[in-house]
C-alpha atoms as a PDB file:
ATOM      1  CA  UNK A   1       0.000   0.000   0.000  1.00  0.00           C
ATOM      2  CA  UNK A   2       2.935   2.322   0.641  1.00  0.00           C
ATOM      3  CA  UNK A   3       3.946   1.982  -3.004  1.00  0.00           C
ATOM      4  CA  UNK A   4       0.597   3.160  -4.374  1.00  0.00           C
ATOM      5  CA  UNK A   5       0.381   6.527  -6.094  1.00  0.00           C
ATOM      6  CA  UNK A   6      -2.464   8.312  -7.890  1.00  0.00           C
ATOM      7  CA  UNK A   7      -4.819   5.625  -6.576  1.00  0.00           C
ATOM      8  CA  UNK A   8      -8.423   5.833  -5.351  1.00  0.00           C
ATOM      9  CA  UNK A   9      -9.445   5.442  -1.714  1.00  0.00           C
ATOM     10  CA  UNK A  10     -12.998   4.314  -0.950  1.00  0.00           C
ATOM     11  CA  UNK A  11     -14.244   4.689   2.621  1.00  0.00           C
ATOM     12  CA  UNK A  12     -16.867   2.067   3.401  1.00  0.00           C
ATOM     13  CA  UNK A  13     -17.307  -1.313   1.745  1.00  0.00           C
ATOM     14  CA  UNK A  14     -21.099  -1.345   1.927  1.00  0.00           C
ATOM     15  CA  UNK A  15     -23.417  -1.398  -1.080  1.00  0.00           C
ATOM     16  CA  UNK A  16     -22.444   2.035  -2.375  1.00  0.00           C
ATOM     17  CA  UNK A  17     -18.741   1.475  -1.845  1.00  0.00           C
ATOM     18  CA  UNK A  18     -18.710  -1.909  -3.562  1.00  0.00           C
ATOM     19  CA  UNK A  19     -20.763  -0.617  -6.502  1.00  0.00           C
ATOM     20  CA  UNK A  20     -18.339   2.297  -6.872  1.00  0.00           C
ATOM     21  CA  UNK A  21     -15.451  -0.157  -6.861  1.00  0.00           C
ATOM     22  CA  UNK A  22     -17.068  -2.339  -9.500  1.00  0.00           C
ATOM     23  CA  UNK A  23     -17.699   0.700 -11.677  1.00  0.00           C
ATOM     24  CA  UNK A  24     -14.058   1.721 -11.381  1.00  0.00           C
ATOM     25  CA  UNK A  25     -12.850  -1.733 -12.373  1.00  0.00           C
ATOM     26  CA  UNK A  26     -12.665  -0.818 -16.070  1.00  0.00           C
ATOM     27  CA  UNK A  27     -10.349   2.102 -15.272  1.00  0.00           C
ATOM     28  CA  UNK A  28      -7.574  -0.278 -14.167  1.00  0.00           C
ATOM     29  CA  UNK A  29      -6.802   2.096 -11.293  1.00  0.00           C
ATOM     30  CA  UNK A  30      -5.515   0.873  -7.942  1.00  0.00           C
ATOM     31  CA  UNK A  31      -8.262   0.893  -5.295  1.00  0.00           C
ATOM     32  CA  UNK A  32      -7.974   0.899  -1.514  1.00  0.00           C
ATOM     33  CA  UNK A  33     -11.077   0.170   0.568  1.00  0.00           C
ATOM     34  CA  UNK A  34     -11.282   1.137   4.231  1.00  0.00           C
ATOM     35  CA  UNK A  35     -13.853  -0.837   6.231  1.00  0.00           C
ATOM     36  CA  UNK A  36     -14.038  -1.113  10.038  1.00  0.00           C
ATOM     37  CA  UNK A  37     -16.485  -4.038  10.136  1.00  0.00           C
ATOM     38  CA  UNK A  38     -14.329  -7.165  10.223  1.00  0.00           C
ATOM     39  CA  UNK A  39     -17.240  -9.415   9.206  1.00  0.00           C
ATOM     40  CA  UNK A  40     -17.723  -7.470   5.969  1.00  0.00           C
ATOM     41  CA  UNK A  41     -14.082  -8.000   5.024  1.00  0.00           C
ATOM     42  CA  UNK A  42     -13.825 -11.612   6.186  1.00  0.00           C
ATOM     43  CA  UNK A  43     -16.986 -12.640   4.328  1.00  0.00           C
ATOM     44  CA  UNK A  44     -15.937 -11.009   1.051  1.00  0.00           C
ATOM     45  CA  UNK A  45     -14.466 -13.235  -1.642  1.00  0.00           C
ATOM     46  CA  UNK A  46     -11.784 -10.867  -2.874  1.00  0.00           C
ATOM     47  CA  UNK A  47     -11.370 -12.317  -6.373  1.00  0.00           C
ATOM     48  CA  UNK A  48     -10.682  -8.861  -7.783  1.00  0.00           C
ATOM     49  CA  UNK A  49      -7.661  -8.356  -5.580  1.00  0.00           C
ATOM     50  CA  UNK A  50      -8.787  -5.136  -3.881  1.00  0.00           C
ATOM     51  CA  UNK A  51      -6.598  -3.599  -1.213  1.00  0.00           C
ATOM     52  CA  UNK A  52      -8.754  -3.955   1.915  1.00  0.00           C
ATOM     53  CA  UNK A  53      -7.798  -2.022   5.036  1.00  0.00           C
ATOM     54  CA  UNK A  54      -9.610  -3.095   8.208  1.00  0.00           C
ATOM     55  CA  UNK A  55      -9.858   0.091  10.268  1.00  0.00           C
ATOM     56  CA  UNK A  56     -11.896   3.234  10.917  1.00  0.00           C
ATOM     57  CA  UNK A  57     -11.678   5.750   8.049  1.00  0.00           C
ATOM     58  CA  UNK A  58     -12.569   8.605  10.416  1.00  0.00           C
ATOM     59  CA  UNK A  59      -9.100   8.339  11.964  1.00  0.00           C
ATOM     60  CA  UNK A  60      -6.464  10.525  10.321  1.00  0.00           C
ATOM     61  CA  UNK A  61      -3.784   7.876  10.859  1.00  0.00           C
ATOM     62  CA  UNK A  62      -5.865   5.379   8.858  1.00  0.00           C
ATOM     63  CA  UNK A  63      -6.264   7.796   5.947  1.00  0.00           C
ATOM     64  CA  UNK A  64      -2.506   8.311   6.000  1.00  0.00           C
ATOM     65  CA  UNK A  65      -1.988   4.522   5.980  1.00  0.00           C
ATOM     66  CA  UNK A  66      -4.289   4.293   2.943  1.00  0.00           C
ATOM     67  CA  UNK A  67      -2.059   6.804   1.159  1.00  0.00           C
ATOM     68  CA  UNK A  68      -4.528   9.699   0.910  1.00  0.00           C
ATOM     69  CA  UNK A  69      -1.610  12.112   0.600  1.00  0.00           C
ATOM     70  CA  UNK A  70      -0.638  10.397  -2.677  1.00  0.00           C
ATOM     71  CA  UNK A  71      -4.138   9.482  -3.902  1.00  0.00           C
ATOM     72  CA  UNK A  72      -5.958  11.174  -6.768  1.00  0.00           C
ATOM     73  CA  UNK A  73      -9.465  10.629  -5.390  1.00  0.00           C
ATOM     74  CA  UNK A  74     -11.271   9.670  -2.212  1.00  0.00           C
ATOM     75  CA  UNK A  75     -14.867   8.424  -2.196  1.00  0.00           C
ATOM     76  CA  UNK A  76     -16.557   8.387   1.187  1.00  0.00           C
ATOM     77  CA  UNK A  77     -19.764   6.343   1.475  1.00  0.00           C
ATOM     78  CA  UNK A  78     -20.204   5.879   5.230  1.00  0.00           C
ATOM     79  CA  UNK A  79     -23.757   5.746   6.669  1.00  0.00           C
ATOM     80  CA  UNK A  80     -23.097   8.739   8.934  1.00  0.00           C
ATOM     81  CA  UNK A  81     -23.138  12.172   7.287  1.00  0.00           C
ATOM     82  CA  UNK A  82     -21.022  13.514  10.145  1.00  0.00           C
ATOM     83  CA  UNK A  83     -18.334  10.914   9.451  1.00  0.00           C
ATOM     84  CA  UNK A  84     -18.329  11.779   5.744  1.00  0.00           C
ATOM     85  CA  UNK A  85     -17.914  15.479   6.569  1.00  0.00           C
ATOM     86  CA  UNK A  86     -15.039  14.727   8.944  1.00  0.00           C
ATOM     87  CA  UNK A  87     -13.291  12.488   6.400  1.00  0.00           C
ATOM     88  CA  UNK A  88     -13.692  15.196   3.765  1.00  0.00           C
ATOM     89  CA  UNK A  89     -12.093  17.804   6.037  1.00  0.00           C
ATOM     90  CA  UNK A  90      -9.208  15.514   6.963  1.00  0.00           C
ATOM     91  CA  UNK A  91      -8.535  14.339   3.412  1.00  0.00           C
ATOM     92  CA  UNK A  92      -8.468  17.906   2.095  1.00  0.00           C
ATOM     93  CA  UNK A  93      -6.026  18.900   4.814  1.00  0.00           C
ATOM     94  CA  UNK A  94      -3.745  15.947   4.033  1.00  0.00           C
ATOM     95  CA  UNK A  95      -3.950  16.426   0.269  1.00  0.00           C
ATOM     96  CA  UNK A  96      -5.348  19.774  -0.967  1.00  0.00           C
ATOM     97  CA  UNK A  97      -5.315  18.542  -4.592  1.00  0.00           C
ATOM     98  CA  UNK A  98      -7.322  15.373  -3.992  1.00  0.00           C
ATOM     99  CA  UNK A  99     -10.730  14.974  -5.639  1.00  0.00           C
ATOM    100  CA  UNK A 100     -13.417  14.190  -3.055  1.00  0.00           C
ATOM    101  CA  UNK A 101     -16.729  12.490  -3.802  1.00  0.00           C
ATOM    102  CA  UNK A 102     -18.954  12.220  -0.752  1.00  0.00           C
ATOM    103  CA  UNK A 103     -22.257  10.570   0.035  1.00  0.00           C
ATOM    104  CA  UNK A 104     -24.954  12.494   1.921  1.00  0.00           C
ATOM    105  CA  UNK A 105     -28.229  11.323   3.439  1.00  0.00           C
ATOM    106  CA  UNK A 106     -29.683  14.599   4.724  1.00  0.00           C
ATOM    107  CA  UNK A 107     -30.247  17.499   2.345  1.00  0.00           C
ATOM    108  CA  UNK A 108     -28.619  20.070   4.659  1.00  0.00           C
ATOM    109  CA  UNK A 109     -25.399  18.015   4.722  1.00  0.00           C
ATOM    110  CA  UNK A 110     -24.637  18.841   1.092  1.00  0.00           C
ATOM    111  CA  UNK A 111     -23.590  22.425   1.897  1.00  0.00           C
ATOM    112  CA  UNK A 112     -21.437  21.244   4.808  1.00  0.00           C
ATOM    113  CA  UNK A 113     -19.649  18.724   2.615  1.00  0.00           C
ATOM    114  CA  UNK A 114     -18.968  21.309  -0.083  1.00  0.00           C
ATOM    115  CA  UNK A 115     -17.657  23.786   2.497  1.00  0.00           C
ATOM    116  CA  UNK A 116     -15.452  21.004   3.853  1.00  0.00           C
ATOM    117  CA  UNK A 117     -13.943  20.535   0.392  1.00  0.00           C
ATOM    118  CA  UNK A 118     -16.048  17.920  -1.419  1.00  0.00           C
ATOM    119  CA  UNK A 119     -15.972  18.309  -5.196  1.00  0.00           C
ATOM    120  CA  UNK A 120     -19.099  16.210  -5.701  1.00  0.00           C
ATOM    121  CA  UNK A 121     -21.902  15.264  -3.311  1.00  0.00           C
ATOM    122  CA  UNK A 122     -24.137  12.303  -4.123  1.00  0.00           C
ATOM    123  CA  UNK A 123     -27.476  11.719  -2.413  1.00  0.00           C
ATOM    124  CA  UNK A 124     -28.542   8.131  -3.305  1.00  0.00           C
ATOM    125  CA  UNK A 125     -32.171   8.659  -2.286  1.00  0.00           C
ATOM    126  CA  UNK A 126     -32.506  11.726  -4.497  1.00  0.00           C
ATOM    127  CA  UNK A 127     -30.806   9.981  -7.409  1.00  0.00           C
ATOM    128  CA  UNK A 128     -33.034   6.935  -6.956  1.00  0.00           C
ATOM    129  CA  UNK A 129     -36.201   9.015  -6.889  1.00  0.00           C
ATOM    130  CA  UNK A 130     -35.227  10.972  -9.988  1.00  0.00           C
ATOM    131  CA  UNK A 131     -34.360   7.750 -11.771  1.00  0.00           C
ATOM    132  CA  UNK A 132     -37.760   6.196 -11.035  1.00  0.00           C
ATOM    133  CA  UNK A 133     -39.564   9.339 -12.218  1.00  0.00           C
ATOM    134  CA  UNK A 134     -37.521   9.340 -15.430  1.00  0.00           C
ATOM    135  CA  UNK A 135     -38.550   5.735 -16.101  1.00  0.00           C
ATOM    136  CA  UNK A 136     -42.113   7.057 -16.370  1.00  0.00           C
ATOM    137  CA  UNK A 137     -41.486  10.278 -18.278  1.00  0.00           C
ATOM    138  CA  UNK A 138     -38.420   9.420 -20.400  1.00  0.00           C
ATOM    139  CA  UNK A 139     -37.961   5.622 -20.466  1.00  0.00           C
ATOM    140  CA  UNK A 140     -36.128   5.513 -23.805  1.00  0.00           C
ATOM    141  CA  UNK A 141     -33.715   8.244 -22.693  1.00  0.00           C
ATOM    142  CA  UNK A 142     -32.978   6.296 -19.496  1.00  0.00           C
ATOM    143  CA  UNK A 143     -32.368   3.110 -21.479  1.00  0.00           C
ATOM    144  CA  UNK A 144     -30.027   4.982 -23.835  1.00  0.00           C
ATOM    145  CA  UNK A 145     -28.045   6.424 -20.916  1.00  0.00           C
ATOM    146  CA  UNK A 146     -27.817   3.007 -19.255  1.00  0.00           C
ATOM    147  CA  UNK A 147     -26.337   1.586 -22.434  1.00  0.00           C
ATOM    148  CA  UNK A 148     -23.728   4.350 -22.553  1.00  0.00           C
ATOM    149  CA  UNK A 149     -23.008   3.887 -18.850  1.00  0.00           C
ATOM    150  CA  UNK A 150     -22.263   0.207 -19.361  1.00  0.00           C
ATOM    151  CA  UNK A 151     -25.277  -1.061 -17.405  1.00  0.00           C
ATOM    152  CA  UNK A 152     -26.325  -3.181 -20.384  1.00  0.00           C
ATOM    153  CA  UNK A 153     -24.336  -5.354 -22.746  1.00  0.00           C
ATOM    154  CA  UNK A 154     -23.356  -2.877 -25.437  1.00  0.00           C
ATOM    155  CA  UNK A 155     -20.291  -2.212 -27.517  1.00  0.00           C
ATOM    156  CA  UNK A 156     -20.868   1.543 -27.243  1.00  0.00           C
ATOM    157  CA  UNK A 157     -19.636   3.727 -24.425  1.00  0.00           C
ATOM    158  CA  UNK A 158     -18.655   7.265 -23.489  1.00  0.00           C
ATOM    159  CA  UNK A 159     -15.064   8.298 -22.924  1.00  0.00           C
ATOM    160  CA  UNK A 160     -13.477  11.569 -21.815  1.00  0.00           C
ATOM    161  CA  UNK A 161     -10.042  12.720 -22.910  1.00  0.00           C
ATOM    162  CA  UNK A 162      -8.301  15.635 -21.228  1.00  0.00           C
ATOM    163  CA  UNK A 163      -6.300  18.073 -23.337  1.00  0.00           C
ATOM    164  CA  UNK A 164      -3.080  17.236 -21.471  1.00  0.00           C
ATOM    165  CA  UNK A 165      -3.344  13.584 -22.592  1.00  0.00           C
ATOM    166  CA  UNK A 166      -3.264  14.468 -26.291  1.00  0.00           C
ATOM    167  CA  UNK A 167      -0.119  14.082 -28.347  1.00  0.00           C
ATOM    168  CA  UNK A 168       1.630  17.424 -28.786  1.00  0.00           C
ATOM    169  CA  UNK A 169       0.799  17.670 -32.505  1.00  0.00           C
ATOM    170  CA  UNK A 170      -2.939  17.596 -31.729  1.00  0.00           C
ATOM    171  CA  UNK A 171      -2.950  20.137 -28.908  1.00  0.00           C
ATOM    172  CA  UNK A 172      -4.628  23.486 -29.571  1.00  0.00           C
ATOM    173  CA  UNK A 173      -6.133  22.281 -32.865  1.00  0.00           C
ATOM    174  CA  UNK A 174      -9.789  22.733 -33.806  1.00  0.00           C
ATOM    175  CA  UNK A 175     -12.048  19.686 -33.822  1.00  0.00           C
ATOM    176  CA  UNK A 176     -12.270  20.054 -37.597  1.00  0.00           C
ATOM    177  CA  UNK A 177      -8.489  19.892 -37.913  1.00  0.00           C
ATOM    178  CA  UNK A 178      -8.361  16.838 -35.651  1.00  0.00           C
ATOM    179  CA  UNK A 179     -10.952  15.095 -37.884  1.00  0.00           C
ATOM    180  CA  UNK A 180     -11.759  12.495 -35.221  1.00  0.00           C
ATOM    181  CA  UNK A 181     -14.720  10.863 -36.997  1.00  0.00           C
ATOM    182  CA  UNK A 182     -12.874  10.074 -40.233  1.00  0.00           C
ATOM    183  CA  UNK A 183      -9.674   8.980 -38.516  1.00  0.00           C
ATOM    184  CA  UNK A 184     -11.154   6.749 -35.796  1.00  0.00           C
ATOM    185  CA  UNK A 185     -14.912   6.293 -36.259  1.00  0.00           C
ATOM    186  CA  UNK A 186     -15.621   7.830 -32.839  1.00  0.00           C
ATOM    187  CA  UNK A 187     -17.917  10.846 -32.508  1.00  0.00           C
ATOM    188  CA  UNK A 188     -17.175  13.972 -30.482  1.00  0.00           C
ATOM    189  CA  UNK A 189     -20.465  14.140 -28.612  1.00  0.00           C
ATOM    190  CA  UNK A 190     -19.608  17.070 -26.364  1.00  0.00           C
ATOM    191  CA  UNK A 191     -16.818  19.406 -25.437  1.00  0.00           C
ATOM    192  CA  UNK A 192     -16.083  20.801 -21.990  1.00  0.00           C
ATOM    193  CA  UNK A 193     -14.617  24.253 -22.348  1.00  0.00           C
ATOM    194  CA  UNK A 194     -12.921  25.665 -19.259  1.00  0.00           C
ATOM    195  CA  UNK A 195     -14.714  28.987 -19.840  1.00  0.00           C
ATOM    196  CA  UNK A 196     -18.109  28.093 -21.326  1.00  0.00           C
ATOM    197  CA  UNK A 197     -18.647  24.717 -19.653  1.00  0.00           C
ATOM    198  CA  UNK A 198     -20.249  21.883 -21.612  1.00  0.00           C
ATOM    199  CA  UNK A 199     -20.879  22.420 -25.315  1.00  0.00           C
ATOM    200  CA  UNK A 200     -22.971  19.650 -26.892  1.00  0.00           C
ATOM    201  CA  UNK A 201     -22.530  18.743 -30.552  1.00  0.00           C
ATOM    202  CA  UNK A 202     -19.684  21.287 -30.845  1.00  0.00           C
ATOM    203  CA  UNK A 203     -18.825  23.061 -34.082  1.00  0.00           C
ATOM    204  CA  UNK A 204     -15.790  21.954 -36.059  1.00  0.00           C
ATOM    205  CA  UNK A 205     -14.075  25.268 -35.295  1.00  0.00           C
ATOM    206  CA  UNK A 206     -14.062  24.605 -31.510  1.00  0.00           C
ATOM    207  CA  UNK A 207     -10.436  24.538 -30.354  1.00  0.00           C
ATOM    208  CA  UNK A 208      -9.201  22.033 -27.786  1.00  0.00           C
ATOM    209  CA  UNK A 209      -7.101  24.180 -25.465  1.00  0.00           C
ATOM    210  CA  UNK A 210      -5.416  23.607 -22.112  1.00  0.00           C
ATOM    211  CA  UNK A 211      -7.936  22.573 -19.440  1.00  0.00           C
ATOM    212  CA  UNK A 212     -10.534  21.389 -21.973  1.00  0.00           C
ATOM    213  CA  UNK A 213     -12.060  17.910 -22.192  1.00  0.00           C
ATOM    214  CA  UNK A 214     -13.345  15.992 -25.219  1.00  0.00           C
ATOM    215  CA  UNK A 215     -16.343  13.664 -24.669  1.00  0.00           C
ATOM    216  CA  UNK A 216     -16.355  10.783 -27.150  1.00  0.00           C
ATOM    217  CA  UNK A 217     -19.048   8.294 -28.163  1.00  0.00           C
ATOM    218  CA  UNK A 218     -17.981   5.110 -29.890  1.00  0.00           C
ATOM    219  CA  UNK A 219     -17.600   1.362 -29.800  1.00  0.00           C
ATOM    220  CA  UNK A 220     -14.556  -0.351 -28.314  1.00  0.00           C
ATOM    221  CA  UNK A 221     -12.735  -0.390 -31.634  1.00  0.00           C
ATOM    222  CA  UNK A 222     -13.239   3.320 -32.380  1.00  0.00           C
ATOM    223  CA  UNK A 223     -12.335   4.402 -28.828  1.00  0.00           C
ATOM    224  CA  UNK A 224      -9.173   2.307 -29.017  1.00  0.00           C
ATOM    225  CA  UNK A 225      -8.385   3.821 -32.427  1.00  0.00           C
ATOM    226  CA  UNK A 226      -8.732   7.295 -30.918  1.00  0.00           C
ATOM    227  CA  UNK A 227      -6.325   6.431 -28.112  1.00  0.00           C
ATOM    228  CA  UNK A 228      -3.775   5.020 -30.528  1.00  0.00           C
ATOM    229  CA  UNK A 229      -4.045   8.003 -32.880  1.00  0.00           C
ATOM    230  CA  UNK A 230      -4.430  10.941 -30.504  1.00  0.00           C
ATOM    231  CA  UNK A 231      -3.319   9.998 -26.964  1.00  0.00           C
ATOM    232  CA  UNK A 232       0.280   9.926 -25.737  1.00  0.00           C
END
């Protein structure tokens, strides 16, 4: 664990924590789970080779042991909102650059978590309710998004590529000059501009500059072709 760098720490190996871990499996990133319930760890068949740390994530010494100071992201999914706020505060103090994704149960906790340094706050109950409503009002849209999210067997997926990952010869070019569709078969679905935010179906004259992100839609072959052609 001391050798890990740029890894992801997940506090809590309950339902939300395990689902987050499964979702991150395709990223091939190193994961460290912190779980204080020994039964949860002992009863888990760790076929995926997760790093499992049996301890209390609220303790600063445990976060240090999990390598939070070297981690890129921490996800805290504990049942207690107060614990998630405390972990957020501690993690931000140990590593000011770390990305923090925190779970909240009560609505008024969201502001506290953001003040504590959380980049994203997820409220499972709110997400679940919105999802069920969308199944009534926009079922086809939900099905389409599930396919892109990998919840169904599909060869198509979404991928994001940061400007700093591009080969030097493609940096600061317009999307038209990059000609992604003809070169790889992938489609530039959206473009995250550091000034304007998300731009959907961007024009060919949009320039990929420092801090920008390209959102791609494609099958496995076209996404791989993009990486081989455009990414370092």
